Amino acid sequence: MLRRVLVNSRHLTQRSRISKQCSRSYDADDRTTVKVLNQETDAGLMIDCYSQVGFSLNNGMSLIGPIAIFPKTVLSWCVTNSHDINEDSLSLFYLLEPKIDILVIGIGDKGSHVDTRIIRFMRNKGINIELLPTESACTTFNFLNQEGRYVAGAFIPPALLAVNEDDRVQTERKRKELYITEENWL
C-alpha cells in the first residue's frame, strides 16, 4: 500500500512539473504564444539565411563569404573550405577574454571534414566545439545565442543547397507578385 502511494505521488509530481512547463507557453486567455528568435531585437546577432555566397543577419546585414560571428559582432573569416580550418584560423576564438562557452563551426556541406587534431586542440584551450554542416550550425548558433550563452560561430557557406517544397512555393509567390506589379506599372 505504501509503495503504491509513493508511485502515485511520484506521477503527480511529474505531471505538475509538466503542466507548469506547458503553462509558460500560454497566455492568460489560453492562447499559445510563439517567439520567432530572429525577430527578437535584444537577442543579439542571428543568422536569418545563408546561400552559396554568404549569410544574411537579423539586423538586415548581408555578408559575403565565410564569417566569424559573436552575439554582438561579426567578422570576415579567412578560410575557403573545411580543409583550411587549423590552429591559426581558430586563434581568434581562443585568444578572446572572457572565454566563449562553445564554438559552433559550420563546415559547409554535409560530408565535409575537419582534422580531429583541431577538436583536441580547441578542447585543450578550454573551448567546447561543435562541428556541423552549415545549415545545422546556423540553427544551433541562433538557439545558443538566444539562451544567453557566450557562443561564437565560424561558418563557411555551403557549396550545395537543397531546395524544398516551401522554397518553391515562396519563389512562385514572389514571381507572381513581381508579374502583377509590372503589369500594373504599364
N, C-alpha and C. Protein backbone atom coordinates (compact mmCIF):
# COMPACT_ATOMS: atom_id res chain seq x y z
N MET A 1 0.83 -1.20 0.00
CA MET A 1 0.00 0.00 0.00
C MET A 1 0.87 1.26 0.00
N LEU A 2 1.87 1.30 0.86
CA LEU A 2 2.77 2.44 0.94
C LEU A 2 3.51 2.62 -0.39
N ARG A 3 3.90 1.50 -0.99
CA ARG A 3 4.60 1.54 -2.28
C ARG A 3 3.71 2.17 -3.36
N ARG A 4 2.44 1.82 -3.40
CA ARG A 4 1.50 2.36 -4.37
C ARG A 4 1.33 3.88 -4.17
N VAL A 5 1.26 4.34 -2.93
CA VAL A 5 1.12 5.76 -2.63
C VAL A 5 2.36 6.52 -3.12
N LEU A 6 3.55 5.95 -2.89
CA LEU A 6 4.78 6.60 -3.33
C LEU A 6 4.84 6.70 -4.86
N VAL A 7 4.45 5.64 -5.54
CA VAL A 7 4.45 5.64 -7.00
C VAL A 7 3.46 6.68 -7.52
N ASN A 8 2.26 6.72 -6.94
CA ASN A 8 1.25 7.68 -7.37
C ASN A 8 1.69 9.12 -7.10
N SER A 9 2.33 9.37 -5.97
CA SER A 9 2.78 10.73 -5.67
C SER A 9 3.91 11.14 -6.62
N ARG A 10 4.75 10.19 -7.03
CA ARG A 10 5.82 10.49 -7.98
C ARG A 10 5.20 10.88 -9.33
N HIS A 11 4.14 10.17 -9.77
CA HIS A 11 3.49 10.50 -11.03
C HIS A 11 2.83 11.88 -10.96
N LEU A 12 2.20 12.20 -9.83
CA LEU A 12 1.58 13.51 -9.67
C LEU A 12 2.61 14.62 -9.72
N THR A 13 3.76 14.41 -9.09
CA THR A 13 4.83 15.40 -9.11
C THR A 13 5.32 15.63 -10.53
N GLN A 14 5.50 14.56 -11.28
CA GLN A 14 5.95 14.69 -12.67
C GLN A 14 4.90 15.42 -13.51
N ARG A 15 3.64 15.10 -13.31
CA ARG A 15 2.57 15.77 -14.06
C ARG A 15 2.52 17.25 -13.75
N SER A 16 2.71 17.61 -12.48
CA SER A 16 2.65 19.03 -12.13
C SER A 16 3.83 19.78 -12.73
N ARG A 17 5.01 19.14 -12.79
CA ARG A 17 6.16 19.77 -13.44
C ARG A 17 5.88 19.99 -14.92
N ILE A 18 5.30 19.01 -15.57
CA ILE A 18 4.98 19.12 -16.99
C ILE A 18 3.94 20.21 -17.22
N SER A 19 2.91 20.25 -16.38
CA SER A 19 1.87 21.26 -16.57
C SER A 19 2.42 22.66 -16.32
N LYS A 20 3.37 22.82 -15.38
CA LYS A 20 3.98 24.13 -15.16
C LYS A 20 4.79 24.55 -16.38
N GLN A 21 5.52 23.60 -16.98
CA GLN A 21 6.31 23.91 -18.16
C GLN A 21 5.40 24.28 -19.33
N CYS A 22 4.33 23.55 -19.50
CA CYS A 22 3.41 23.83 -20.60
C CYS A 22 2.69 25.15 -20.39
N SER A 23 2.38 25.49 -19.15
CA SER A 23 1.62 26.71 -18.90
C SER A 23 2.42 27.96 -19.25
N ARG A 24 3.76 27.87 -19.28
CA ARG A 24 4.56 29.01 -19.66
C ARG A 24 4.36 29.38 -21.13
N SER A 25 3.88 28.46 -21.92
CA SER A 25 3.68 28.69 -23.35
C SER A 25 2.32 29.28 -23.65
N TYR A 26 1.52 29.52 -22.63
CA TYR A 26 0.16 30.01 -22.83
C TYR A 26 -0.01 31.37 -22.18
N ASP A 27 -0.82 32.23 -22.83
CA ASP A 27 -1.21 33.50 -22.24
C ASP A 27 -2.34 33.25 -21.25
N ALA A 28 -2.78 34.30 -20.61
CA ALA A 28 -3.84 34.19 -19.62
C ALA A 28 -5.14 33.66 -20.22
N ASP A 29 -5.41 33.98 -21.48
CA ASP A 29 -6.65 33.53 -22.10
C ASP A 29 -6.47 32.24 -22.89
N ASP A 30 -5.53 31.38 -22.46
CA ASP A 30 -5.28 30.06 -23.02
C ASP A 30 -4.90 30.06 -24.50
N ARG A 31 -4.17 31.07 -24.92
CA ARG A 31 -3.65 31.10 -26.28
C ARG A 31 -2.17 30.74 -26.26
N THR A 32 -1.76 30.00 -27.23
CA THR A 32 -0.36 29.63 -27.34
C THR A 32 0.45 30.82 -27.82
N THR A 33 1.62 31.04 -27.22
CA THR A 33 2.49 32.11 -27.67
C THR A 33 3.72 31.51 -28.33
N VAL A 34 4.16 32.15 -29.38
CA VAL A 34 5.33 31.69 -30.13
C VAL A 34 6.25 32.88 -30.34
N LYS A 35 7.54 32.67 -30.12
CA LYS A 35 8.53 33.70 -30.38
C LYS A 35 9.37 33.28 -31.57
N VAL A 36 9.55 34.17 -32.51
CA VAL A 36 10.46 33.92 -33.62
C VAL A 36 11.81 34.49 -33.19
N LEU A 37 12.79 33.61 -33.00
CA LEU A 37 14.06 34.02 -32.42
C LEU A 37 14.73 35.15 -33.19
N ASN A 38 14.75 35.08 -34.48
CA ASN A 38 15.48 36.06 -35.27
C ASN A 38 14.85 37.44 -35.26
N GLN A 39 13.62 37.57 -34.76
CA GLN A 39 12.97 38.86 -34.72
C GLN A 39 13.10 39.54 -33.36
N GLU A 40 13.74 38.87 -32.42
CA GLU A 40 13.97 39.45 -31.10
C GLU A 40 15.11 40.46 -31.22
N THR A 41 14.85 41.72 -30.90
CA THR A 41 15.88 42.74 -31.08
C THR A 41 16.97 42.69 -30.03
N ASP A 42 16.65 42.26 -28.83
CA ASP A 42 17.65 42.23 -27.76
C ASP A 42 18.44 40.92 -27.71
N ALA A 43 18.22 40.02 -28.63
CA ALA A 43 18.87 38.71 -28.61
C ALA A 43 20.27 38.74 -29.19
N GLY A 44 20.66 39.81 -29.84
CA GLY A 44 21.96 39.86 -30.48
C GLY A 44 21.86 39.42 -31.92
N LEU A 45 23.01 39.25 -32.54
CA LEU A 45 23.04 38.87 -33.95
C LEU A 45 22.64 37.42 -34.13
N MET A 46 21.82 37.18 -35.14
CA MET A 46 21.42 35.83 -35.50
C MET A 46 21.41 35.72 -37.02
N ILE A 47 21.56 34.51 -37.49
CA ILE A 47 21.61 34.26 -38.92
C ILE A 47 20.20 33.98 -39.42
N ASP A 48 19.73 34.83 -40.34
CA ASP A 48 18.41 34.64 -40.93
C ASP A 48 18.45 33.61 -42.05
N CYS A 49 19.44 33.73 -42.92
CA CYS A 49 19.54 32.79 -44.03
C CYS A 49 20.97 32.73 -44.55
N TYR A 50 21.22 31.73 -45.34
CA TYR A 50 22.54 31.54 -45.92
C TYR A 50 22.37 31.13 -47.37
N SER A 51 23.43 31.31 -48.13
CA SER A 51 23.43 30.90 -49.54
C SER A 51 24.82 30.40 -49.88
N GLN A 52 25.04 30.12 -51.14
CA GLN A 52 26.36 29.68 -51.57
C GLN A 52 27.36 30.84 -51.55
N VAL A 53 26.85 32.05 -51.44
CA VAL A 53 27.69 33.25 -51.46
C VAL A 53 28.00 33.76 -50.06
N GLY A 54 27.05 33.67 -49.14
CA GLY A 54 27.26 34.23 -47.81
C GLY A 54 26.05 34.08 -46.92
N PHE A 55 25.86 35.08 -46.04
CA PHE A 55 24.87 34.99 -44.97
C PHE A 55 24.11 36.31 -44.84
N SER A 56 22.86 36.23 -44.36
CA SER A 56 22.07 37.41 -44.00
C SER A 56 21.76 37.33 -42.53
N LEU A 57 21.88 38.46 -41.85
CA LEU A 57 21.65 38.51 -40.40
C LEU A 57 20.32 39.17 -40.08
N ASN A 58 19.89 39.01 -38.84
CA ASN A 58 18.60 39.54 -38.41
C ASN A 58 18.57 41.07 -38.35
N ASN A 59 19.71 41.73 -38.44
CA ASN A 59 19.73 43.19 -38.45
C ASN A 59 19.72 43.76 -39.86
N GLY A 60 19.53 42.89 -40.87
CA GLY A 60 19.45 43.33 -42.26
C GLY A 60 20.78 43.30 -42.99
N MET A 61 21.85 43.01 -42.30
CA MET A 61 23.17 42.98 -42.91
C MET A 61 23.36 41.72 -43.75
N SER A 62 23.94 41.87 -44.93
CA SER A 62 24.30 40.73 -45.78
C SER A 62 25.81 40.63 -45.83
N LEU A 63 26.32 39.43 -45.68
CA LEU A 63 27.77 39.21 -45.63
C LEU A 63 28.17 38.22 -46.70
N ILE A 64 29.30 38.47 -47.34
CA ILE A 64 29.79 37.60 -48.39
C ILE A 64 30.95 36.78 -47.85
N GLY A 65 30.91 35.48 -48.12
CA GLY A 65 31.99 34.59 -47.73
C GLY A 65 31.86 34.06 -46.31
N PRO A 66 32.87 33.32 -45.87
CA PRO A 66 32.87 32.76 -44.51
C PRO A 66 32.89 33.86 -43.45
N ILE A 67 32.23 33.60 -42.32
CA ILE A 67 32.15 34.61 -41.26
C ILE A 67 32.48 34.00 -39.90
N ALA A 68 32.95 34.87 -39.01
CA ALA A 68 33.09 34.58 -37.59
C ALA A 68 32.07 35.48 -36.91
N ILE A 69 31.16 34.89 -36.15
CA ILE A 69 30.07 35.67 -35.57
C ILE A 69 30.02 35.44 -34.06
N PHE A 70 29.74 36.53 -33.37
CA PHE A 70 29.60 36.55 -31.91
C PHE A 70 28.24 37.17 -31.60
N PRO A 71 27.81 37.16 -30.34
CA PRO A 71 26.48 37.71 -30.05
C PRO A 71 26.27 39.16 -30.50
N LYS A 72 27.31 39.99 -30.53
CA LYS A 72 27.15 41.39 -30.90
C LYS A 72 28.06 41.84 -32.05
N THR A 73 28.88 40.93 -32.58
CA THR A 73 29.87 41.29 -33.59
C THR A 73 29.97 40.22 -34.66
N VAL A 74 30.30 40.65 -35.87
CA VAL A 74 30.55 39.70 -36.95
C VAL A 74 31.79 40.15 -37.72
N LEU A 75 32.61 39.20 -38.12
CA LEU A 75 33.86 39.46 -38.84
C LEU A 75 33.97 38.53 -40.03
N SER A 76 34.79 38.92 -40.99
CA SER A 76 35.10 38.02 -42.09
C SER A 76 36.08 36.97 -41.57
N TRP A 77 35.93 35.73 -42.02
CA TRP A 77 36.79 34.63 -41.57
C TRP A 77 37.56 34.14 -42.78
N CYS A 78 38.87 34.17 -42.72
CA CYS A 78 39.71 33.88 -43.88
C CYS A 78 39.98 32.39 -44.07
N VAL A 79 38.95 31.66 -44.45
CA VAL A 79 39.08 30.27 -44.87
C VAL A 79 38.23 30.10 -46.13
N THR A 80 38.57 29.11 -46.95
CA THR A 80 37.76 28.88 -48.14
C THR A 80 36.97 27.59 -48.07
N ASN A 81 37.48 26.61 -47.30
CA ASN A 81 36.76 25.34 -47.14
C ASN A 81 37.19 24.71 -45.82
N SER A 82 36.62 23.56 -45.50
CA SER A 82 36.88 22.93 -44.19
C SER A 82 38.33 22.48 -44.04
N HIS A 83 39.04 22.29 -45.13
CA HIS A 83 40.45 21.88 -45.05
C HIS A 83 41.35 23.04 -44.59
N ASP A 84 40.87 24.27 -44.70
CA ASP A 84 41.63 25.44 -44.27
C ASP A 84 41.50 25.71 -42.77
N ILE A 85 40.63 24.97 -42.09
CA ILE A 85 40.44 25.20 -40.66
C ILE A 85 41.62 24.57 -39.92
N ASN A 86 42.38 25.42 -39.22
CA ASN A 86 43.56 24.97 -38.47
C ASN A 86 43.71 25.81 -37.22
N GLU A 87 44.81 25.60 -36.48
CA GLU A 87 45.04 26.35 -35.24
C GLU A 87 45.07 27.85 -35.48
N ASP A 88 45.70 28.26 -36.58
CA ASP A 88 45.80 29.70 -36.87
C ASP A 88 44.45 30.31 -37.20
N SER A 89 43.64 29.62 -37.99
CA SER A 89 42.34 30.18 -38.37
C SER A 89 41.37 30.23 -37.18
N LEU A 90 41.64 29.46 -36.13
CA LEU A 90 40.79 29.46 -34.94
C LEU A 90 41.39 30.28 -33.79
N SER A 91 42.53 30.90 -34.00
CA SER A 91 43.21 31.62 -32.92
C SER A 91 42.35 32.73 -32.33
N LEU A 92 41.57 33.39 -33.14
CA LEU A 92 40.68 34.44 -32.65
C LEU A 92 39.79 33.94 -31.52
N PHE A 93 39.32 32.73 -31.64
CA PHE A 93 38.33 32.21 -30.70
C PHE A 93 38.94 31.81 -29.36
N TYR A 94 40.19 31.38 -29.33
CA TYR A 94 40.76 31.00 -28.04
C TYR A 94 41.57 32.13 -27.41
N LEU A 95 41.81 33.21 -28.13
CA LEU A 95 42.52 34.35 -27.54
C LEU A 95 41.58 35.34 -26.86
N LEU A 96 40.30 35.21 -27.12
CA LEU A 96 39.32 36.14 -26.54
C LEU A 96 39.23 36.01 -25.03
N GLU A 97 39.01 37.14 -24.37
CA GLU A 97 38.70 37.16 -22.95
C GLU A 97 37.42 37.95 -22.77
N PRO A 98 36.44 37.52 -22.06
CA PRO A 98 36.33 36.22 -21.40
C PRO A 98 36.16 35.10 -22.43
N LYS A 99 36.48 33.91 -22.01
CA LYS A 99 36.41 32.74 -22.89
C LYS A 99 34.97 32.48 -23.31
N ILE A 100 34.82 32.04 -24.55
CA ILE A 100 33.49 31.66 -25.01
C ILE A 100 33.14 30.28 -24.44
N ASP A 101 31.83 30.02 -24.28
CA ASP A 101 31.37 28.72 -23.77
C ASP A 101 31.53 27.64 -24.83
N ILE A 102 31.16 27.99 -26.06
CA ILE A 102 31.14 27.00 -27.13
C ILE A 102 31.38 27.68 -28.47
N LEU A 103 32.08 26.99 -29.34
CA LEU A 103 32.31 27.44 -30.70
C LEU A 103 31.57 26.49 -31.63
N VAL A 104 30.65 27.04 -32.40
CA VAL A 104 29.89 26.25 -33.37
C VAL A 104 30.51 26.51 -34.73
N ILE A 105 31.00 25.45 -35.37
CA ILE A 105 31.63 25.59 -36.68
C ILE A 105 30.74 24.97 -37.75
N GLY A 106 30.36 25.79 -38.71
CA GLY A 106 29.61 25.31 -39.87
C GLY A 106 30.62 25.00 -40.97
N ILE A 107 30.81 23.72 -41.25
CA ILE A 107 31.89 23.28 -42.14
C ILE A 107 31.48 23.24 -43.61
N GLY A 108 30.37 23.86 -43.94
CA GLY A 108 29.91 23.86 -45.33
C GLY A 108 28.89 22.77 -45.54
N ASP A 109 29.16 21.90 -46.50
CA ASP A 109 28.22 20.85 -46.86
C ASP A 109 28.34 19.62 -45.97
N LYS A 110 27.28 18.81 -45.96
CA LYS A 110 27.34 17.51 -45.30
C LYS A 110 28.44 16.70 -45.96
N GLY A 111 29.21 16.00 -45.16
CA GLY A 111 30.30 15.20 -45.71
C GLY A 111 31.65 15.90 -45.67
N SER A 112 31.66 17.22 -45.39
CA SER A 112 32.93 17.92 -45.23
C SER A 112 33.55 17.49 -43.90
N HIS A 113 34.85 17.47 -43.85
CA HIS A 113 35.53 17.00 -42.63
C HIS A 113 36.57 18.01 -42.17
N VAL A 114 36.85 17.96 -40.87
CA VAL A 114 37.89 18.76 -40.25
C VAL A 114 38.82 17.80 -39.53
N ASP A 115 40.10 18.09 -39.53
CA ASP A 115 41.09 17.26 -38.87
C ASP A 115 40.73 17.12 -37.38
N THR A 116 40.72 15.91 -36.86
CA THR A 116 40.34 15.66 -35.46
C THR A 116 41.32 16.31 -34.48
N ARG A 117 42.53 16.59 -34.93
CA ARG A 117 43.50 17.27 -34.05
C ARG A 117 43.02 18.67 -33.67
N ILE A 118 42.23 19.28 -34.56
CA ILE A 118 41.69 20.61 -34.29
C ILE A 118 40.73 20.56 -33.10
N ILE A 119 39.91 19.53 -33.05
CA ILE A 119 38.95 19.38 -31.95
C ILE A 119 39.71 19.24 -30.64
N ARG A 120 40.72 18.38 -30.59
CA ARG A 120 41.53 18.21 -29.38
C ARG A 120 42.25 19.51 -29.01
N PHE A 121 42.77 20.20 -30.00
CA PHE A 121 43.48 21.45 -29.76
C PHE A 121 42.56 22.47 -29.08
N MET A 122 41.34 22.65 -29.59
CA MET A 122 40.42 23.62 -29.00
C MET A 122 39.96 23.19 -27.61
N ARG A 123 39.76 21.91 -27.41
CA ARG A 123 39.37 21.43 -26.07
C ARG A 123 40.50 21.66 -25.08
N ASN A 124 41.74 21.50 -25.51
CA ASN A 124 42.88 21.79 -24.65
C ASN A 124 42.96 23.26 -24.28
N LYS A 125 42.41 24.11 -25.13
CA LYS A 125 42.36 25.56 -24.86
C LYS A 125 41.15 25.92 -24.00
N GLY A 126 40.34 24.92 -23.63
CA GLY A 126 39.18 25.15 -22.77
C GLY A 126 37.92 25.58 -23.50
N ILE A 127 37.84 25.29 -24.79
CA ILE A 127 36.67 25.69 -25.57
C ILE A 127 35.98 24.44 -26.11
N ASN A 128 34.69 24.33 -25.81
CA ASN A 128 33.89 23.25 -26.39
C ASN A 128 33.64 23.59 -27.85
N ILE A 129 33.61 22.58 -28.67
CA ILE A 129 33.47 22.80 -30.10
C ILE A 129 32.40 21.88 -30.66
N GLU A 130 31.62 22.42 -31.57
CA GLU A 130 30.56 21.66 -32.23
C GLU A 130 30.75 21.81 -33.73
N LEU A 131 31.04 20.71 -34.43
CA LEU A 131 31.23 20.70 -35.88
C LEU A 131 29.97 20.19 -36.55
N LEU A 132 29.37 21.01 -37.41
CA LEU A 132 28.11 20.66 -38.06
C LEU A 132 28.11 21.18 -39.49
N PRO A 133 27.28 20.60 -40.35
CA PRO A 133 27.06 21.25 -41.64
C PRO A 133 26.51 22.66 -41.39
N THR A 134 26.78 23.58 -42.27
CA THR A 134 26.42 24.98 -42.05
C THR A 134 24.94 25.17 -41.74
N GLU A 135 24.09 24.42 -42.42
CA GLU A 135 22.64 24.54 -42.19
C GLU A 135 22.31 24.30 -40.71
N SER A 136 22.81 23.23 -40.13
CA SER A 136 22.55 22.91 -38.73
C SER A 136 23.31 23.84 -37.79
N ALA A 137 24.49 24.25 -38.19
CA ALA A 137 25.31 25.12 -37.34
C ALA A 137 24.65 26.48 -37.14
N CYS A 138 24.04 27.02 -38.17
CA CYS A 138 23.35 28.32 -38.05
C CYS A 138 22.22 28.23 -37.04
N THR A 139 21.44 27.18 -37.11
CA THR A 139 20.33 26.98 -36.18
C THR A 139 20.85 26.82 -34.76
N THR A 140 21.90 26.04 -34.59
CA THR A 140 22.48 25.82 -33.26
C THR A 140 23.01 27.12 -32.69
N PHE A 141 23.72 27.90 -33.48
CA PHE A 141 24.24 29.19 -33.02
C PHE A 141 23.09 30.10 -32.57
N ASN A 142 22.05 30.22 -33.38
CA ASN A 142 20.91 31.08 -33.04
C ASN A 142 20.27 30.65 -31.72
N PHE A 143 20.09 29.36 -31.54
CA PHE A 143 19.46 28.85 -30.32
C PHE A 143 20.32 29.14 -29.09
N LEU A 144 21.61 28.84 -29.16
CA LEU A 144 22.50 29.08 -28.03
C LEU A 144 22.62 30.57 -27.73
N ASN A 145 22.63 31.39 -28.76
CA ASN A 145 22.69 32.84 -28.57
C ASN A 145 21.44 33.34 -27.87
N GLN A 146 20.28 32.82 -28.25
CA GLN A 146 19.02 33.21 -27.63
C GLN A 146 18.98 32.80 -26.16
N GLU A 147 19.62 31.68 -25.83
CA GLU A 147 19.68 31.23 -24.44
C GLU A 147 20.57 32.12 -23.57
N GLY A 148 21.34 32.99 -24.20
CA GLY A 148 22.23 33.86 -23.44
C GLY A 148 23.61 33.27 -23.20
N ARG A 149 23.91 32.17 -23.87
CA ARG A 149 25.25 31.57 -23.74
C ARG A 149 26.26 32.44 -24.48
N TYR A 150 27.49 32.45 -24.02
CA TYR A 150 28.53 33.19 -24.72
C TYR A 150 29.06 32.26 -25.80
N VAL A 151 28.46 32.35 -26.97
CA VAL A 151 28.71 31.45 -28.08
C VAL A 151 29.35 32.23 -29.22
N ALA A 152 30.16 31.53 -29.99
CA ALA A 152 30.71 32.10 -31.22
C ALA A 152 30.46 31.10 -32.33
N GLY A 153 30.40 31.61 -33.54
CA GLY A 153 30.20 30.75 -34.69
C GLY A 153 31.23 31.05 -35.76
N ALA A 154 31.63 30.02 -36.47
CA ALA A 154 32.53 30.14 -37.60
C ALA A 154 31.88 29.37 -38.74
N PHE A 155 31.43 30.08 -39.76
CA PHE A 155 30.60 29.46 -40.79
C PHE A 155 31.18 29.62 -42.18
N ILE A 156 31.20 28.52 -42.91
CA ILE A 156 31.59 28.50 -44.32
C ILE A 156 30.31 28.31 -45.13
N PRO A 157 30.05 29.17 -46.13
CA PRO A 157 28.84 28.97 -46.93
C PRO A 157 28.87 27.60 -47.63
N PRO A 158 27.73 26.92 -47.70
CA PRO A 158 27.70 25.62 -48.37
C PRO A 158 27.83 25.77 -49.88
N ALA A 159 28.43 24.79 -50.51
CA ALA A 159 28.54 24.80 -51.98
C ALA A 159 27.25 24.30 -52.62
N LEU A 160 26.56 23.41 -51.93
CA LEU A 160 25.31 22.84 -52.44
C LEU A 160 24.15 23.24 -51.55
N LEU A 161 23.04 23.58 -52.17
CA LEU A 161 21.84 23.93 -51.41
C LEU A 161 20.71 22.99 -51.79
N ALA A 162 20.01 22.52 -50.77
CA ALA A 162 18.85 21.67 -51.01
C ALA A 162 17.62 22.55 -51.14
N VAL A 163 16.84 22.35 -52.16
CA VAL A 163 15.62 23.11 -52.38
C VAL A 163 14.44 22.24 -51.97
N ASN A 164 13.59 22.78 -51.09
CA ASN A 164 12.42 22.02 -50.66
C ASN A 164 11.15 22.64 -51.23
N GLU A 165 10.03 22.04 -50.94
CA GLU A 165 8.75 22.49 -51.48
C GLU A 165 8.40 23.91 -51.03
N ASP A 166 8.73 24.25 -49.79
CA ASP A 166 8.45 25.58 -49.27
C ASP A 166 9.21 26.64 -50.07
N ASP A 167 10.47 26.34 -50.40
CA ASP A 167 11.26 27.27 -51.22
C ASP A 167 10.61 27.50 -52.58
N ARG A 168 10.12 26.43 -53.18
CA ARG A 168 9.48 26.54 -54.49
C ARG A 168 8.21 27.38 -54.42
N VAL A 169 7.41 27.18 -53.38
CA VAL A 169 6.16 27.93 -53.22
C VAL A 169 6.46 29.41 -53.02
N GLN A 170 7.44 29.73 -52.17
CA GLN A 170 7.78 31.14 -51.93
C GLN A 170 8.31 31.81 -53.20
N THR A 171 9.12 31.09 -53.97
CA THR A 171 9.64 31.64 -55.22
C THR A 171 8.51 31.91 -56.20
N GLU A 172 7.59 30.97 -56.32
CA GLU A 172 6.45 31.14 -57.21
C GLU A 172 5.59 32.33 -56.78
N ARG A 173 5.36 32.49 -55.49
CA ARG A 173 4.58 33.61 -54.97
C ARG A 173 5.26 34.94 -55.30
N LYS A 174 6.58 35.01 -55.11
CA LYS A 174 7.30 36.25 -55.42
C LYS A 174 7.26 36.54 -56.92
N ARG A 175 7.36 35.51 -57.74
CA ARG A 175 7.30 35.68 -59.19
C ARG A 175 5.94 36.24 -59.60
N LYS A 176 4.86 35.74 -59.00
CA LYS A 176 3.52 36.24 -59.31
C LYS A 176 3.37 37.69 -58.87
N GLU A 177 3.89 38.03 -57.68
CA GLU A 177 3.82 39.41 -57.19
C GLU A 177 4.58 40.34 -58.11
N LEU A 178 5.73 39.92 -58.57
CA LEU A 178 6.53 40.73 -59.49
C LEU A 178 5.79 40.92 -60.81
N TYR A 179 5.18 39.87 -61.32
CA TYR A 179 4.44 39.94 -62.57
C TYR A 179 3.25 40.91 -62.44
N ILE A 180 2.55 40.82 -61.32
CA ILE A 180 1.39 41.70 -61.10
C ILE A 180 1.86 43.15 -60.98
N THR A 181 2.95 43.37 -60.28
CA THR A 181 3.47 44.72 -60.11
C THR A 181 3.88 45.32 -61.44
N GLU A 182 4.57 44.55 -62.28
CA GLU A 182 5.00 45.04 -63.59
C GLU A 182 3.79 45.31 -64.49
N GLU A 183 2.77 44.49 -64.40
CA GLU A 183 1.55 44.66 -65.20
C GLU A 183 0.85 45.97 -64.82
N ASN A 184 0.79 46.27 -63.53
CA ASN A 184 0.15 47.49 -63.06
C ASN A 184 0.96 48.72 -63.43
N TRP A 185 2.22 48.57 -63.59
CA TRP A 185 3.11 49.68 -63.90
C TRP A 185 2.93 50.16 -65.34
N LEU A 186 2.58 49.22 -66.22
CA LEU A 186 2.45 49.57 -67.66
C LEU A 186 1.22 50.29 -67.96
